[in-house]
Protein backbone atom coordinates (compact mmCIF):
# COMPACT_ATOMS: atom_id res chain seq x y z
CA MET A 1 -11.89 17.64 0.55
CA GLU A 2 -13.28 15.92 -2.51
CA THR A 3 -15.90 13.36 -1.53
CA ILE A 4 -16.05 10.89 -4.39
CA LEU A 5 -18.77 8.71 -2.93
CA SER A 6 -20.30 8.63 0.51
CA GLN A 7 -21.10 4.95 0.22
CA ILE A 8 -19.77 2.40 -2.23
CA ASP A 9 -20.48 -1.21 -3.00
CA PRO A 10 -17.84 -3.91 -2.51
CA PRO A 11 -15.06 -3.27 -5.05
CA ALA A 12 -15.00 -5.44 -8.15
CA PRO A 13 -11.79 -7.22 -9.16
CA MET A 14 -9.10 -4.82 -10.32
CA PRO A 15 -9.36 -4.02 -14.04
CA GLU A 16 -6.91 -5.08 -16.70
CA ALA A 17 -3.96 -2.87 -17.56
CA PRO A 18 -4.51 0.11 -19.86
CA ALA A 19 -4.51 -0.52 -23.61
CA ALA A 20 -1.04 0.99 -23.94
CA THR A 21 0.44 -2.12 -22.35
CA THR A 22 0.23 -5.78 -23.16
CA ALA A 23 -2.92 -7.26 -21.62
CA PRO A 24 -2.21 -9.45 -18.57
CA THR A 25 -2.34 -13.20 -18.93
CA ASN A 26 -5.36 -14.46 -16.98
CA GLY A 27 -5.84 -10.92 -15.73
CA GLN A 28 -2.65 -11.05 -13.68
CA GLN A 29 0.44 -10.38 -15.79
CA ALA A 30 1.54 -7.76 -18.25
CA ASP A 31 4.75 -6.79 -20.03
CA TYR A 32 5.73 -3.34 -18.79
CA SER A 33 9.23 -3.47 -20.21
CA SER A 34 8.48 -0.67 -22.69
CA SER A 35 9.00 1.91 -19.93
CA ASN A 36 11.59 0.03 -17.87
CA GLY A 37 14.98 1.67 -17.91
CA ARG A 38 13.68 5.18 -18.59
CA SER A 39 14.67 7.94 -16.21
CA ALA A 40 12.15 9.46 -13.81
CA ALA A 41 12.27 12.71 -15.79
CA LYS A 42 11.24 10.93 -18.97
CA ILE A 43 8.47 9.03 -17.20
CA GLY A 44 7.22 12.31 -15.73
CA ILE A 45 6.36 11.64 -12.09
CA ARG A 46 4.01 14.47 -11.24
CA LYS A 47 1.80 12.96 -8.55
CA LEU A 48 1.98 10.34 -5.78
CA SER A 49 -1.35 8.85 -4.68
CA ILE A 50 -1.33 8.02 -0.96
CA ILE A 51 -3.98 5.43 -0.09
CA ILE A 52 -5.09 5.30 3.55
CA PRO A 53 -7.38 2.40 4.53
CA ALA A 54 -9.05 3.41 7.79
CA TYR A 55 -11.11 1.49 10.33
CA ASN A 56 -11.85 3.06 13.72
CA GLU A 57 -8.92 5.49 13.51
CA GLU A 58 -10.67 8.57 14.94
CA LYS A 59 -7.81 9.31 17.31
CA SER A 60 -4.93 8.89 14.88
CA ILE A 61 -6.20 9.89 11.43
CA GLY A 62 -5.65 13.61 11.98
CA LEU A 63 -2.14 13.03 13.29
CA ILE A 64 -1.08 10.98 10.28
CA LEU A 65 -2.64 13.52 7.91
CA ASP A 66 -0.63 16.25 9.64
CA LYS A 67 2.58 14.33 8.99
CA ILE A 68 1.64 13.75 5.35
CA ARG A 69 0.80 17.44 4.89
CA GLN A 70 4.18 18.50 6.28
CA VAL A 71 6.23 16.24 4.01
CA GLU A 72 7.73 17.87 0.93
CA LEU A 73 8.30 15.25 -1.75
CA ILE A 74 11.44 15.23 -3.86
CA ARG A 75 11.29 16.52 -7.44
CA ASN A 76 8.25 18.63 -6.44
CA ILE A 77 5.99 15.59 -6.72
CA GLU A 78 2.39 16.41 -5.81
CA LYS A 79 0.39 14.47 -3.22
CA GLU A 80 -3.05 12.95 -3.69
CA VAL A 81 -4.44 11.54 -0.44
CA ILE A 82 -7.22 8.95 -0.78
CA ILE A 83 -8.89 7.94 2.48
CA VAL A 84 -11.07 4.82 2.37
CA ASN A 85 -13.23 4.49 5.48
CA ASP A 86 -14.02 0.79 5.89
CA CYS A 87 -17.32 1.36 7.74
CA SER A 88 -15.77 2.63 10.96
CA LYS A 89 -17.94 2.57 14.07
CA ASP A 90 -16.30 5.57 15.69
CA GLY A 91 -15.88 9.17 14.57
CA THR A 92 -13.35 8.54 11.79
CA GLU A 93 -15.55 10.19 9.15
CA GLN A 94 -16.18 13.26 11.28
CA ALA A 95 -12.46 13.53 12.04
CA VAL A 96 -11.59 13.46 8.32
CA LYS A 97 -14.21 16.07 7.45
CA LEU A 98 -13.04 18.35 10.26
CA TYR A 99 -9.45 17.99 9.10
CA SER A 100 -10.37 18.90 5.54
CA LEU A 101 -11.98 22.11 6.80
CA THR A 102 -9.00 23.14 8.91
CA SER A 103 -6.28 22.06 6.45
CA PRO A 104 -7.68 22.62 2.94
CA GLU A 105 -4.18 22.82 1.45
CA LEU A 106 -3.88 19.00 1.64
CA PRO A 107 -5.85 17.51 -1.30
CA LEU A 108 -8.12 14.78 0.06
CA LYS A 109 -10.43 12.29 -1.61
CA TYR A 110 -12.81 10.58 0.80
CA LEU A 111 -14.48 7.22 0.14
CA ALA A 112 -16.59 5.10 2.48
CA HIS A 113 -17.60 1.46 2.41
CA GLU A 114 -21.22 0.78 3.30
CA VAL A 115 -20.20 -2.39 5.18
CA ASN A 116 -16.90 -3.44 6.72
CA MET A 117 -14.99 -5.51 4.16
CA GLY A 118 -11.41 -5.53 5.41
CA LYS A 119 -8.17 -3.67 4.87
CA GLY A 120 -7.46 -5.34 1.54
CA ALA A 121 -10.84 -4.32 0.16
CA ALA A 122 -10.23 -0.72 1.26
CA ILE A 123 -6.88 -0.76 -0.54
CA HIS A 124 -8.60 -2.14 -3.68
CA THR A 125 -10.98 0.82 -3.61
CA GLY A 126 -8.15 3.29 -3.21
CA ILE A 127 -6.21 1.76 -6.09
CA LEU A 128 -9.22 2.11 -8.39
CA HIS A 129 -9.40 5.85 -7.67
CA ALA A 130 -5.66 6.63 -7.78
CA THR A 131 -4.63 9.10 -10.48
CA GLY A 132 -0.93 9.51 -9.63
CA GLU A 133 1.77 7.81 -11.68
CA TYR A 134 2.77 5.95 -8.50
CA LEU A 135 0.79 5.05 -5.41
CA LEU A 136 1.77 4.35 -1.83
CA ILE A 137 -0.15 2.54 0.91
CA GLN A 138 -0.19 4.33 4.27
CA ASP A 139 -1.81 2.90 7.39
CA ALA A 140 -4.02 5.32 9.31
CA ASP A 141 -2.18 4.65 12.57
CA GLN A 142 1.29 6.02 13.31
CA GLU A 143 3.34 2.84 12.92
CA TYR A 144 4.95 4.14 9.71
CA ASP A 145 6.51 7.59 9.29
CA PRO A 146 5.56 9.70 6.22
CA GLU A 147 8.89 11.51 6.55
CA GLU A 148 10.35 8.42 4.87
CA TYR A 149 8.34 8.82 1.66
CA ASN A 150 11.39 10.27 -0.06
CA THR A 151 13.46 7.24 0.98
CA LEU A 152 10.88 5.04 -0.72
CA LEU A 153 10.72 7.28 -3.79
CA LYS A 154 14.46 7.59 -4.36
CA PRO A 155 14.89 4.33 -6.36
CA ILE A 156 11.89 5.40 -8.46
CA VAL A 157 12.89 8.97 -9.28
CA ASN A 158 16.41 7.75 -10.08
CA GLY A 159 14.90 5.52 -12.75
CA PHE A 160 15.63 2.12 -11.17
CA ALA A 161 12.39 0.82 -9.64
CA ASP A 162 8.77 0.11 -10.53
CA VAL A 163 7.90 -1.22 -7.06
CA VAL A 164 9.50 -0.39 -3.70
CA TYR A 165 8.99 -2.19 -0.37
CA GLY A 166 9.93 -0.51 2.89
CA SER A 167 11.62 -3.08 5.12
CA ARG A 168 11.43 -2.86 8.89
CA PHE A 169 14.31 -5.34 9.18
CA MET A 170 17.10 -3.66 7.22
CA GLY A 171 18.96 -0.42 7.71
CA GLY A 172 19.64 1.58 10.85
CA SER A 173 16.28 3.26 11.44
CA ALA A 174 14.36 3.17 14.72
CA HIS A 175 12.25 0.09 15.54
CA ARG A 176 9.97 -0.33 18.52
CA ILE A 177 10.67 -3.60 20.35
CA LEU A 178 7.44 -5.57 20.77
CA PHE A 179 6.48 -9.20 20.19
CA PHE A 180 9.02 -12.01 19.76
CA TRP A 181 6.58 -14.45 18.17
CA HIS A 182 5.32 -11.81 15.76
CA SER A 183 8.87 -11.30 14.48
CA ILE A 184 9.35 -15.06 14.11
CA GLY A 185 6.01 -15.35 12.31
CA ASN A 186 6.87 -12.49 9.99
CA ALA A 187 10.21 -14.09 9.13
CA ILE A 188 8.52 -17.42 8.36
CA LEU A 189 5.85 -15.79 6.19
CA THR A 190 8.45 -13.77 4.28
CA PHE A 191 10.55 -16.92 3.79
CA LEU A 192 7.58 -18.87 2.42
CA CYS A 193 6.64 -16.00 0.14
CA ASN A 194 10.19 -15.80 -1.18
CA MET A 195 10.18 -19.53 -1.88
CA PHE A 196 7.09 -19.30 -4.07
CA SER A 197 7.85 -15.93 -5.69
CA ASN A 198 11.64 -16.36 -6.13
CA LEU A 199 12.26 -13.00 -4.47
CA ASN A 200 14.67 -12.21 -1.64
CA LEU A 201 12.58 -9.79 0.40
CA THR A 202 13.29 -9.24 4.08
CA ASP A 203 9.79 -7.94 4.95
CA MET A 204 6.86 -9.09 2.80
CA GLU A 205 4.30 -7.97 5.41
CA THR A 206 5.48 -4.36 5.49
CA GLY A 207 2.80 -1.69 5.48
CA TYR A 208 4.88 0.56 3.22
CA LYS A 209 4.63 -0.49 -0.41
CA VAL A 210 4.93 1.78 -3.46
CA PHE A 211 3.67 0.64 -6.88
CA ARG A 212 3.65 2.08 -10.35
CA THR A 213 -0.03 2.74 -10.73
CA ASP A 214 -0.50 1.23 -14.17
CA ILE A 215 1.12 -1.99 -12.95
CA ILE A 216 -1.02 -2.40 -9.82
CA GLN A 217 -4.19 -1.37 -11.65
CA GLY A 218 -3.46 -4.11 -14.18
CA ILE A 219 -3.47 -6.88 -11.57
CA VAL A 220 -6.64 -8.66 -10.45
CA LEU A 221 -6.69 -8.58 -6.63
CA GLN A 222 -9.07 -10.70 -4.59
CA GLU A 223 -8.00 -10.74 -0.93
CA ARG A 224 -10.05 -8.38 1.22
CA ARG A 225 -8.21 -8.67 4.52
CA PHE A 226 -4.55 -9.06 5.41
CA GLY A 227 -4.15 -11.62 2.65
CA PHE A 228 -3.59 -8.61 0.41
CA GLU A 229 0.12 -8.56 1.30
CA PRO A 230 1.09 -12.04 0.04
CA GLU A 231 -1.32 -11.91 -2.90
CA VAL A 232 -0.01 -8.62 -4.27
CA THR A 233 3.60 -9.69 -3.71
CA MET A 234 3.11 -12.97 -5.56
CA LYS A 235 1.34 -11.33 -8.48
CA VAL A 236 3.67 -8.34 -8.81
CA ALA A 237 6.65 -10.72 -8.80
CA LYS A 238 5.24 -12.41 -11.92
CA VAL A 239 4.95 -9.20 -13.95
CA PRO A 240 7.55 -9.57 -16.74
CA ARG A 241 10.69 -7.48 -16.17
CA VAL A 242 9.22 -5.65 -13.20
CA ARG A 243 11.90 -4.01 -11.05
CA ILE A 244 11.33 -4.47 -7.30
CA TYR A 245 13.48 -2.68 -4.73
CA GLU A 246 13.57 -2.72 -0.94
CA VAL A 247 14.74 0.10 1.36
CA GLY A 248 15.11 0.26 5.13
CA ILE A 249 12.48 2.16 7.11
CA SER A 250 11.66 2.79 10.77
CA TYR A 251 8.74 1.18 12.59
CA TYR A 252 6.72 2.52 15.51
CA GLY A 253 4.54 -0.51 16.23
CA ARG A 254 1.40 -0.56 18.34
CA THR A 255 0.34 -3.04 21.01
CA TYR A 256 -3.13 -4.59 20.94
CA GLN A 257 -4.16 -2.21 23.72
CA GLU A 258 -3.12 0.67 21.45
CA GLY A 259 -5.20 -0.57 18.54
CA LYS A 260 -3.23 -3.26 16.70
CA LYS A 261 -5.72 -5.42 14.76
CA ILE A 262 -3.87 -8.30 13.10
CA GLY A 263 -4.08 -11.69 14.87
CA TRP A 264 -3.04 -15.32 14.55
CA LYS A 265 -5.97 -16.11 12.24
CA ASP A 266 -4.61 -13.56 9.79
CA GLY A 267 -1.27 -15.36 9.93
CA VAL A 268 -2.94 -18.65 9.02
CA ARG A 269 -4.77 -16.96 6.17
CA THR A 270 -1.48 -15.51 4.94
CA VAL A 271 0.07 -18.98 4.74
CA TRP A 272 -2.96 -20.18 2.80
CA CYS A 273 -2.69 -17.22 0.41
CA ILE A 274 1.01 -17.85 -0.21
CA ILE A 275 0.27 -21.45 -1.15
CA LYS A 276 -2.88 -20.56 -3.11
CA TYR A 277 -1.35 -17.83 -5.26
CA GLY A 278 2.07 -19.45 -5.35
CA TRP A 279 0.77 -22.66 -6.93
CA ARG A 280 -1.66 -20.83 -9.19
CA LEU A 281 0.96 -18.69 -10.86
């Protein structure tokens, strides 16, 4: 395991895009059309960065790392796993260190926040340290299955997509049946997001999102909690000629007793973020 930093300060806003691209307008937009349309072979996808924001996931972090280790990515794409511990109060750090000793074949980068700053902030940190051509966000619990990485990567390696969302509401994959009002709330939030972004997503709140790294590193991100999802969707949608795809995935949701953390206040914040970033852009 490569420990980049044992403690880090709150992440600064995401930097502008690399000099090889057109600088984003107001730090948010860039023209990435120069590489759009090229095949995956020409782009040269060698590495996928897998960002895992973790907070009090002592019991599940080793299980999800096992699944990631066992997955063989298409086109012999390498894996770079970046774990960002958001100041967990349990034994998450010890569990990661133990795993790195027993499974050294899985390349791990470990980062830790000095104070708890939220899932979005942990994702920001992971994005800053990603070195793969593409990056994927993976929750530390077991709600999403790493065996579906190749499903998410297929539109990318075939040369069609810059961004891929994994939808829990399309396709024939397994879905755990849980909360009626959560599903209604998710549909409403996705509908509002589509209105402001002019997209036709079926699942804006999905935990599985894959981004071309230079695109996501060229966007200024501010939301430190669950507002990350609408903010990044709004801002990615405004990148000129960006190609966004959606594929069906399975979903093994948790109850609150099993560790689910999102609540109604996060839903209210999401609505505010949709309006805030929708009107701003």
